[in-house]
Amino acid sequence: MANPDRFINKCLLQSEGLLQITAIDVDRSNYKIGLPFIQKAGVEGKIKFIESEALPVLDKLAQEMNEDEMFDFAFVDADKENYNNYHEKLLMIVKIGGLILYDNTLWFGSIATPMNPDMPKDFNEARESIIKFNKELAADPRIELCQVCIGDGLTICRRVA
């Protein structure tokens, strides 16, 4: 079998091409789960972790960021009710041609079926938020999008304007 350390290094893009990852999470323990793998790959110095709510950080980045500092890629797996707010902020800091990915955009397949009143209230509220968000993305001329039916759904947006 191939050396798993080599695989980890490749997966985490240990190459010099990886300049920096900015990770935002309200709970540092989520970052700490992956930290041993990050350290093993030798990329710890390329990851800037910010423990915070995301919207204030994104606001600050949008205010302070120069065009040459814009991100190539963003991945969102956060509170579904704020997906549209994240989208608007990310369009300010992801460069044209860059990608924004949103996780859980099929919400267990529930977005394609009538609401189930037997499901928990939080589940149905998130479902409604995701349905609304998916419709807003479909109508957004600033992006091209692709819905990938893997896991719980992944939406890939390429910024075009």
N, C-alpha and C. Protein backbone atom coordinates (compact mmCIF):
# COMPACT_ATOMS: atom_id res chain seq x y z
N MET A 1 0.85 -1.18 0.00
CA MET A 1 0.00 0.00 0.00
C MET A 1 0.89 1.24 0.00
N ALA A 2 0.43 2.28 -0.68
CA ALA A 2 1.18 3.54 -0.73
C ALA A 2 1.25 4.15 0.66
N ASN A 3 2.28 4.94 0.86
CA ASN A 3 2.48 5.61 2.13
C ASN A 3 1.33 6.60 2.38
N PRO A 4 0.52 6.42 3.45
CA PRO A 4 -0.60 7.32 3.71
C PRO A 4 -0.16 8.75 3.99
N ASP A 5 1.05 8.95 4.51
CA ASP A 5 1.54 10.31 4.75
C ASP A 5 1.65 11.08 3.45
N ARG A 6 2.11 10.42 2.40
CA ARG A 6 2.21 11.08 1.10
C ARG A 6 0.83 11.48 0.60
N PHE A 7 -0.14 10.61 0.81
CA PHE A 7 -1.50 10.90 0.38
C PHE A 7 -2.03 12.13 1.12
N ILE A 8 -1.83 12.18 2.44
CA ILE A 8 -2.29 13.32 3.23
C ILE A 8 -1.64 14.59 2.72
N ASN A 9 -0.34 14.55 2.48
CA ASN A 9 0.35 15.74 1.99
C ASN A 9 -0.24 16.23 0.68
N LYS A 10 -0.53 15.32 -0.22
CA LYS A 10 -1.09 15.71 -1.50
C LYS A 10 -2.50 16.27 -1.33
N CYS A 11 -3.28 15.63 -0.49
CA CYS A 11 -4.65 16.08 -0.29
C CYS A 11 -4.71 17.47 0.32
N LEU A 12 -3.78 17.79 1.15
CA LEU A 12 -3.78 19.10 1.80
C LEU A 12 -2.94 20.11 1.04
N LEU A 13 -2.54 19.77 -0.17
CA LEU A 13 -1.84 20.71 -1.03
C LEU A 13 -0.63 21.33 -0.37
N GLN A 14 0.30 20.49 -0.02
CA GLN A 14 1.50 20.97 0.65
C GLN A 14 2.39 21.77 -0.29
N SER A 15 2.05 21.83 -1.54
CA SER A 15 2.89 22.53 -2.51
C SER A 15 3.01 24.02 -2.17
N GLU A 16 4.00 24.64 -2.76
CA GLU A 16 4.20 26.07 -2.54
C GLU A 16 3.06 26.89 -3.11
N GLY A 17 2.23 26.28 -3.98
CA GLY A 17 1.11 26.98 -4.58
C GLY A 17 0.02 27.36 -3.58
N LEU A 18 -0.04 26.69 -2.46
CA LEU A 18 -1.04 27.02 -1.45
C LEU A 18 -0.50 28.18 -0.62
N LEU A 19 -1.09 29.35 -0.81
CA LEU A 19 -0.60 30.51 -0.09
C LEU A 19 -1.16 30.56 1.32
N GLN A 20 -2.50 30.55 1.45
CA GLN A 20 -3.08 30.62 2.78
C GLN A 20 -4.55 30.21 2.75
N ILE A 21 -4.96 29.58 3.82
CA ILE A 21 -6.37 29.27 4.05
C ILE A 21 -6.80 30.08 5.25
N THR A 22 -7.94 30.74 5.13
CA THR A 22 -8.55 31.43 6.26
C THR A 22 -9.77 30.62 6.66
N ALA A 23 -9.76 30.11 7.88
CA ALA A 23 -10.86 29.30 8.40
C ALA A 23 -11.56 30.08 9.50
N ILE A 24 -12.88 30.15 9.43
CA ILE A 24 -13.67 30.88 10.41
C ILE A 24 -14.66 29.91 11.04
N ASP A 25 -14.67 29.86 12.36
CA ASP A 25 -15.62 29.00 13.06
C ASP A 25 -15.84 29.57 14.45
N VAL A 26 -17.05 29.42 14.96
CA VAL A 26 -17.35 29.91 16.31
C VAL A 26 -16.79 29.01 17.39
N ASP A 27 -16.36 27.82 17.00
CA ASP A 27 -15.89 26.84 17.98
C ASP A 27 -14.52 26.31 17.57
N ARG A 28 -13.49 26.68 18.31
CA ARG A 28 -12.12 26.27 18.01
C ARG A 28 -11.95 24.75 18.03
N SER A 29 -12.79 24.05 18.77
CA SER A 29 -12.64 22.59 18.84
C SER A 29 -12.81 21.95 17.47
N ASN A 30 -13.57 22.55 16.58
CA ASN A 30 -13.71 22.02 15.23
C ASN A 30 -12.38 22.07 14.49
N TYR A 31 -11.64 23.13 14.67
CA TYR A 31 -10.31 23.27 14.06
C TYR A 31 -9.34 22.27 14.67
N LYS A 32 -9.44 22.10 15.98
CA LYS A 32 -8.51 21.21 16.68
C LYS A 32 -8.67 19.75 16.25
N ILE A 33 -9.86 19.37 15.80
CA ILE A 33 -10.06 18.00 15.33
C ILE A 33 -9.12 17.70 14.17
N GLY A 34 -9.00 18.63 13.25
CA GLY A 34 -8.16 18.41 12.07
C GLY A 34 -6.71 18.80 12.25
N LEU A 35 -6.39 19.45 13.34
CA LEU A 35 -5.04 19.98 13.54
C LEU A 35 -3.93 18.92 13.44
N PRO A 36 -4.08 17.73 14.00
CA PRO A 36 -3.00 16.73 13.84
C PRO A 36 -2.70 16.42 12.37
N PHE A 37 -3.72 16.37 11.54
CA PHE A 37 -3.51 16.09 10.12
C PHE A 37 -2.87 17.28 9.41
N ILE A 38 -3.28 18.46 9.80
CA ILE A 38 -2.70 19.68 9.24
C ILE A 38 -1.22 19.76 9.59
N GLN A 39 -0.91 19.47 10.85
CA GLN A 39 0.49 19.49 11.28
C GLN A 39 1.31 18.41 10.57
N LYS A 40 0.73 17.23 10.43
CA LYS A 40 1.44 16.14 9.78
C LYS A 40 1.75 16.48 8.32
N ALA A 41 0.87 17.23 7.69
CA ALA A 41 1.07 17.63 6.30
C ALA A 41 2.02 18.81 6.18
N GLY A 42 2.34 19.44 7.31
CA GLY A 42 3.27 20.56 7.29
C GLY A 42 2.68 21.85 6.76
N VAL A 43 1.38 22.04 6.89
CA VAL A 43 0.75 23.26 6.37
C VAL A 43 0.13 24.13 7.46
N GLU A 44 0.47 23.88 8.71
CA GLU A 44 -0.13 24.65 9.80
C GLU A 44 0.11 26.14 9.65
N GLY A 45 1.30 26.51 9.18
CA GLY A 45 1.62 27.92 9.01
C GLY A 45 0.88 28.60 7.88
N LYS A 46 0.17 27.80 7.07
CA LYS A 46 -0.57 28.36 5.94
C LYS A 46 -2.06 28.51 6.25
N ILE A 47 -2.44 28.18 7.48
CA ILE A 47 -3.85 28.27 7.86
C ILE A 47 -4.02 29.31 8.95
N LYS A 48 -4.86 30.28 8.65
CA LYS A 48 -5.19 31.33 9.63
C LYS A 48 -6.58 30.99 10.16
N PHE A 49 -6.64 30.61 11.43
CA PHE A 49 -7.92 30.26 12.04
C PHE A 49 -8.44 31.47 12.81
N ILE A 50 -9.71 31.80 12.57
CA ILE A 50 -10.37 32.91 13.27
C ILE A 50 -11.57 32.33 14.01
N GLU A 51 -11.54 32.44 15.34
CA GLU A 51 -12.66 31.98 16.15
C GLU A 51 -13.65 33.13 16.30
N SER A 52 -14.76 33.02 15.55
CA SER A 52 -15.72 34.13 15.52
C SER A 52 -16.95 33.71 14.74
N GLU A 53 -18.00 34.48 14.89
CA GLU A 53 -19.12 34.41 13.97
C GLU A 53 -18.57 34.84 12.60
N ALA A 54 -19.07 34.27 11.54
CA ALA A 54 -18.51 34.53 10.22
C ALA A 54 -18.88 35.90 9.65
N LEU A 55 -20.12 36.34 9.81
CA LEU A 55 -20.55 37.57 9.14
C LEU A 55 -19.71 38.79 9.52
N PRO A 56 -19.39 39.02 10.79
CA PRO A 56 -18.55 40.18 11.11
C PRO A 56 -17.15 40.09 10.49
N VAL A 57 -16.61 38.87 10.44
CA VAL A 57 -15.28 38.68 9.83
C VAL A 57 -15.35 38.95 8.34
N LEU A 58 -16.39 38.44 7.69
CA LEU A 58 -16.54 38.67 6.26
C LEU A 58 -16.74 40.15 5.96
N ASP A 59 -17.49 40.85 6.81
CA ASP A 59 -17.65 42.30 6.66
C ASP A 59 -16.30 43.00 6.73
N LYS A 60 -15.51 42.64 7.72
CA LYS A 60 -14.20 43.25 7.90
C LYS A 60 -13.28 42.96 6.70
N LEU A 61 -13.28 41.71 6.25
CA LEU A 61 -12.47 41.37 5.09
C LEU A 61 -12.89 42.17 3.87
N ALA A 62 -14.20 42.30 3.66
CA ALA A 62 -14.70 43.05 2.50
C ALA A 62 -14.27 44.51 2.55
N GLN A 63 -14.21 45.08 3.74
CA GLN A 63 -13.82 46.49 3.90
C GLN A 63 -12.32 46.68 3.71
N GLU A 64 -11.53 45.71 4.15
CA GLU A 64 -10.08 45.88 4.19
C GLU A 64 -9.34 45.26 3.01
N MET A 65 -9.98 44.38 2.27
CA MET A 65 -9.28 43.59 1.27
C MET A 65 -9.04 44.37 -0.02
N ASN A 66 -7.82 44.26 -0.53
CA ASN A 66 -7.49 44.81 -1.84
C ASN A 66 -7.84 43.77 -2.90
N GLU A 67 -7.98 44.22 -4.14
CA GLU A 67 -8.37 43.30 -5.21
C GLU A 67 -7.37 42.16 -5.38
N ASP A 68 -6.09 42.45 -5.19
CA ASP A 68 -5.08 41.39 -5.37
C ASP A 68 -5.04 40.41 -4.19
N GLU A 69 -5.80 40.66 -3.14
CA GLU A 69 -5.86 39.77 -1.99
C GLU A 69 -7.13 38.91 -1.98
N MET A 70 -7.96 39.07 -3.00
CA MET A 70 -9.24 38.35 -3.02
C MET A 70 -9.02 36.85 -3.05
N PHE A 71 -9.99 36.13 -2.53
CA PHE A 71 -9.93 34.68 -2.43
C PHE A 71 -10.26 34.01 -3.76
N ASP A 72 -9.66 32.84 -3.98
CA ASP A 72 -9.96 32.01 -5.14
C ASP A 72 -11.11 31.06 -4.85
N PHE A 73 -11.33 30.77 -3.57
CA PHE A 73 -12.22 29.69 -3.19
C PHE A 73 -12.79 29.95 -1.81
N ALA A 74 -14.07 29.62 -1.64
CA ALA A 74 -14.70 29.67 -0.31
C ALA A 74 -15.61 28.46 -0.17
N PHE A 75 -15.63 27.89 1.02
CA PHE A 75 -16.50 26.76 1.34
C PHE A 75 -17.34 27.14 2.54
N VAL A 76 -18.66 26.98 2.41
CA VAL A 76 -19.58 27.36 3.48
C VAL A 76 -20.34 26.13 3.97
N ASP A 77 -20.22 25.87 5.26
CA ASP A 77 -21.00 24.86 5.95
C ASP A 77 -21.34 25.47 7.29
N ALA A 78 -22.40 26.24 7.31
CA ALA A 78 -22.72 27.05 8.49
C ALA A 78 -24.24 27.07 8.69
N ASP A 79 -24.70 28.01 9.50
CA ASP A 79 -26.13 28.12 9.76
C ASP A 79 -26.86 28.45 8.46
N LYS A 80 -27.79 27.59 8.10
CA LYS A 80 -28.46 27.66 6.80
C LYS A 80 -29.26 28.95 6.64
N GLU A 81 -29.75 29.49 7.73
CA GLU A 81 -30.55 30.70 7.67
C GLU A 81 -29.74 31.89 7.16
N ASN A 82 -28.43 31.83 7.27
CA ASN A 82 -27.58 32.94 6.83
C ASN A 82 -26.86 32.67 5.52
N TYR A 83 -27.17 31.59 4.83
CA TYR A 83 -26.46 31.28 3.59
C TYR A 83 -26.51 32.46 2.60
N ASN A 84 -27.66 33.09 2.45
CA ASN A 84 -27.73 34.23 1.52
C ASN A 84 -26.87 35.39 1.99
N ASN A 85 -26.82 35.64 3.29
CA ASN A 85 -25.95 36.70 3.82
C ASN A 85 -24.48 36.37 3.55
N TYR A 86 -24.11 35.11 3.75
CA TYR A 86 -22.73 34.70 3.43
C TYR A 86 -22.44 34.89 1.95
N HIS A 87 -23.41 34.54 1.13
CA HIS A 87 -23.24 34.65 -0.32
C HIS A 87 -22.93 36.10 -0.72
N GLU A 88 -23.72 37.02 -0.21
CA GLU A 88 -23.51 38.43 -0.57
C GLU A 88 -22.13 38.92 -0.12
N LYS A 89 -21.71 38.53 1.05
CA LYS A 89 -20.38 38.94 1.56
C LYS A 89 -19.27 38.28 0.75
N LEU A 90 -19.45 37.00 0.45
CA LEU A 90 -18.40 36.28 -0.28
C LEU A 90 -18.22 36.81 -1.69
N LEU A 91 -19.29 37.28 -2.30
CA LEU A 91 -19.15 37.85 -3.64
C LEU A 91 -18.26 39.10 -3.63
N MET A 92 -18.11 39.70 -2.49
CA MET A 92 -17.24 40.88 -2.36
C MET A 92 -15.77 40.49 -2.19
N ILE A 93 -15.50 39.26 -1.76
CA ILE A 93 -14.11 38.90 -1.45
C ILE A 93 -13.57 37.72 -2.25
N VAL A 94 -14.43 37.10 -3.08
CA VAL A 94 -13.97 36.03 -3.97
C VAL A 94 -13.85 36.64 -5.36
N LYS A 95 -12.70 36.43 -5.98
CA LYS A 95 -12.43 37.05 -7.27
C LYS A 95 -13.30 36.46 -8.38
N ILE A 96 -13.48 37.22 -9.44
CA ILE A 96 -14.19 36.73 -10.62
C ILE A 96 -13.45 35.50 -11.13
N GLY A 97 -14.18 34.45 -11.40
CA GLY A 97 -13.61 33.17 -11.78
C GLY A 97 -13.40 32.25 -10.59
N GLY A 98 -13.51 32.80 -9.37
CA GLY A 98 -13.36 32.01 -8.16
C GLY A 98 -14.59 31.18 -7.86
N LEU A 99 -14.43 30.23 -6.96
CA LEU A 99 -15.51 29.31 -6.61
C LEU A 99 -15.99 29.53 -5.19
N ILE A 100 -17.30 29.40 -5.02
CA ILE A 100 -17.93 29.41 -3.69
C ILE A 100 -18.76 28.14 -3.62
N LEU A 101 -18.49 27.31 -2.62
CA LEU A 101 -19.22 26.06 -2.45
C LEU A 101 -20.06 26.12 -1.19
N TYR A 102 -21.29 25.64 -1.30
CA TYR A 102 -22.22 25.59 -0.18
C TYR A 102 -22.59 24.15 0.10
N ASP A 103 -22.43 23.73 1.34
CA ASP A 103 -22.72 22.36 1.74
C ASP A 103 -24.17 22.24 2.19
N ASN A 104 -24.69 21.04 2.11
CA ASN A 104 -26.02 20.67 2.63
C ASN A 104 -27.17 21.32 1.86
N THR A 105 -27.01 21.58 0.59
CA THR A 105 -28.04 22.30 -0.16
C THR A 105 -29.16 21.40 -0.70
N LEU A 106 -29.11 20.13 -0.36
CA LEU A 106 -30.26 19.26 -0.64
C LEU A 106 -31.01 18.90 0.64
N TRP A 107 -30.41 19.18 1.76
CA TRP A 107 -30.99 19.00 3.10
C TRP A 107 -31.71 17.66 3.22
N PHE A 108 -30.92 16.60 3.11
CA PHE A 108 -31.41 15.23 3.25
C PHE A 108 -32.47 14.88 2.21
N GLY A 109 -32.46 15.59 1.10
CA GLY A 109 -33.44 15.36 0.04
C GLY A 109 -34.78 16.02 0.31
N SER A 110 -34.91 16.66 1.46
CA SER A 110 -36.21 17.20 1.86
C SER A 110 -36.65 18.40 1.02
N ILE A 111 -35.72 19.03 0.31
CA ILE A 111 -36.11 20.20 -0.48
C ILE A 111 -36.96 19.79 -1.69
N ALA A 112 -36.96 18.52 -2.05
CA ALA A 112 -37.71 18.04 -3.22
C ALA A 112 -39.04 17.41 -2.84
N THR A 113 -39.36 17.44 -1.56
CA THR A 113 -40.61 16.82 -1.09
C THR A 113 -41.39 17.84 -0.27
N PRO A 114 -42.69 17.61 -0.10
CA PRO A 114 -43.46 18.52 0.77
C PRO A 114 -42.91 18.51 2.20
N MET A 115 -43.11 19.61 2.89
CA MET A 115 -42.64 19.70 4.27
C MET A 115 -43.30 18.61 5.11
N ASN A 116 -42.51 18.02 5.97
CA ASN A 116 -43.00 16.97 6.87
C ASN A 116 -43.22 17.58 8.25
N PRO A 117 -44.47 17.74 8.67
CA PRO A 117 -44.74 18.36 9.98
C PRO A 117 -44.24 17.52 11.16
N ASP A 118 -43.91 16.25 10.92
CA ASP A 118 -43.40 15.40 11.99
C ASP A 118 -41.92 15.64 12.27
N MET A 119 -41.24 16.36 11.37
CA MET A 119 -39.82 16.64 11.57
C MET A 119 -39.67 17.78 12.59
N PRO A 120 -38.52 17.86 13.27
CA PRO A 120 -38.31 18.94 14.24
C PRO A 120 -38.43 20.32 13.58
N LYS A 121 -38.85 21.28 14.37
CA LYS A 121 -39.05 22.64 13.87
C LYS A 121 -37.76 23.20 13.26
N ASP A 122 -36.63 22.99 13.91
CA ASP A 122 -35.35 23.49 13.39
C ASP A 122 -35.04 22.90 12.02
N PHE A 123 -35.34 21.63 11.83
CA PHE A 123 -35.10 20.97 10.56
C PHE A 123 -35.92 21.64 9.45
N ASN A 124 -37.20 21.85 9.72
CA ASN A 124 -38.08 22.45 8.71
C ASN A 124 -37.72 23.91 8.45
N GLU A 125 -37.28 24.63 9.47
CA GLU A 125 -36.86 26.02 9.25
C GLU A 125 -35.62 26.08 8.37
N ALA A 126 -34.67 25.20 8.63
CA ALA A 126 -33.46 25.15 7.79
C ALA A 126 -33.84 24.73 6.37
N ARG A 127 -34.75 23.78 6.24
CA ARG A 127 -35.22 23.33 4.93
C ARG A 127 -35.78 24.51 4.14
N GLU A 128 -36.64 25.29 4.76
CA GLU A 128 -37.23 26.45 4.08
C GLU A 128 -36.15 27.47 3.69
N SER A 129 -35.18 27.68 4.56
CA SER A 129 -34.08 28.60 4.24
C SER A 129 -33.29 28.12 3.04
N ILE A 130 -33.03 26.83 2.97
CA ILE A 130 -32.25 26.27 1.87
C ILE A 130 -33.04 26.34 0.56
N ILE A 131 -34.33 26.06 0.61
CA ILE A 131 -35.16 26.18 -0.59
C ILE A 131 -35.10 27.61 -1.12
N LYS A 132 -35.27 28.57 -0.24
CA LYS A 132 -35.22 29.99 -0.63
C LYS A 132 -33.83 30.34 -1.19
N PHE A 133 -32.79 29.87 -0.52
CA PHE A 133 -31.42 30.15 -0.95
C PHE A 133 -31.16 29.56 -2.34
N ASN A 134 -31.56 28.31 -2.55
CA ASN A 134 -31.36 27.68 -3.86
C ASN A 134 -32.06 28.46 -4.97
N LYS A 135 -33.25 28.96 -4.70
CA LYS A 135 -33.98 29.77 -5.70
C LYS A 135 -33.24 31.08 -5.97
N GLU A 136 -32.70 31.69 -4.92
CA GLU A 136 -31.96 32.95 -5.10
C GLU A 136 -30.68 32.71 -5.90
N LEU A 137 -29.99 31.62 -5.63
CA LEU A 137 -28.79 31.30 -6.42
C LEU A 137 -29.14 31.08 -7.88
N ALA A 138 -30.22 30.36 -8.14
CA ALA A 138 -30.62 30.07 -9.51
C ALA A 138 -30.91 31.34 -10.31
N ALA A 139 -31.32 32.40 -9.63
CA ALA A 139 -31.66 33.66 -10.30
C ALA A 139 -30.52 34.68 -10.27
N ASP A 140 -29.38 34.34 -9.67
CA ASP A 140 -28.28 35.29 -9.49
C ASP A 140 -27.40 35.34 -10.75
N PRO A 141 -27.41 36.46 -11.48
CA PRO A 141 -26.62 36.56 -12.71
C PRO A 141 -25.12 36.71 -12.46
N ARG A 142 -24.71 36.86 -11.21
CA ARG A 142 -23.28 37.04 -10.89
C ARG A 142 -22.53 35.73 -10.80
N ILE A 143 -23.29 34.63 -10.88
CA ILE A 143 -22.67 33.30 -10.73
C ILE A 143 -23.18 32.33 -11.79
N GLU A 144 -22.38 31.29 -12.02
CA GLU A 144 -22.83 30.09 -12.70
C GLU A 144 -22.84 29.03 -11.61
N LEU A 145 -23.81 28.13 -11.65
CA LEU A 145 -23.87 27.17 -10.55
C LEU A 145 -24.13 25.77 -11.03
N CYS A 146 -23.77 24.86 -10.16
CA CYS A 146 -23.96 23.43 -10.39
C CYS A 146 -24.34 22.80 -9.06
N GLN A 147 -25.42 22.07 -9.05
CA GLN A 147 -25.85 21.34 -7.86
C GLN A 147 -25.33 19.91 -7.98
N VAL A 148 -24.51 19.50 -7.04
CA VAL A 148 -23.92 18.17 -7.06
C VAL A 148 -24.65 17.30 -6.03
N CYS A 149 -25.17 16.19 -6.49
CA CYS A 149 -25.97 15.31 -5.63
C CYS A 149 -25.07 14.28 -4.95
N ILE A 150 -24.17 14.76 -4.13
CA ILE A 150 -23.34 13.87 -3.31
C ILE A 150 -23.61 14.23 -1.85
N GLY A 151 -23.53 13.24 -1.00
CA GLY A 151 -23.77 13.50 0.42
C GLY A 151 -25.12 14.16 0.61
N ASP A 152 -25.09 15.29 1.23
CA ASP A 152 -26.30 16.05 1.54
C ASP A 152 -26.50 17.20 0.57
N GLY A 153 -25.80 17.14 -0.55
CA GLY A 153 -25.93 18.18 -1.57
C GLY A 153 -24.82 19.21 -1.45
N LEU A 154 -24.22 19.53 -2.57
CA LEU A 154 -23.16 20.53 -2.62
C LEU A 154 -23.44 21.42 -3.82
N THR A 155 -23.51 22.72 -3.60
CA THR A 155 -23.71 23.66 -4.68
C THR A 155 -22.40 24.37 -4.95
N ILE A 156 -21.97 24.33 -6.20
CA ILE A 156 -20.74 24.97 -6.64
C ILE A 156 -21.12 26.20 -7.45
N CYS A 157 -20.65 27.35 -7.02
CA CYS A 157 -20.90 28.60 -7.72
C CYS A 157 -19.59 29.16 -8.25
N ARG A 158 -19.57 29.54 -9.51
CA ARG A 158 -18.41 30.22 -10.07
C ARG A 158 -18.79 31.66 -10.29
N ARG A 159 -18.06 32.56 -9.67
CA ARG A 159 -18.35 33.99 -9.80
C ARG A 159 -17.99 34.45 -11.20
N VAL A 160 -18.95 35.05 -11.90
CA VAL A 160 -18.73 35.54 -13.26
C VAL A 160 -18.86 37.06 -13.35
N ALA A 161 -19.37 37.69 -12.32
CA ALA A 161 -19.49 39.15 -12.31
C ALA A 161 -19.39 39.67 -10.89
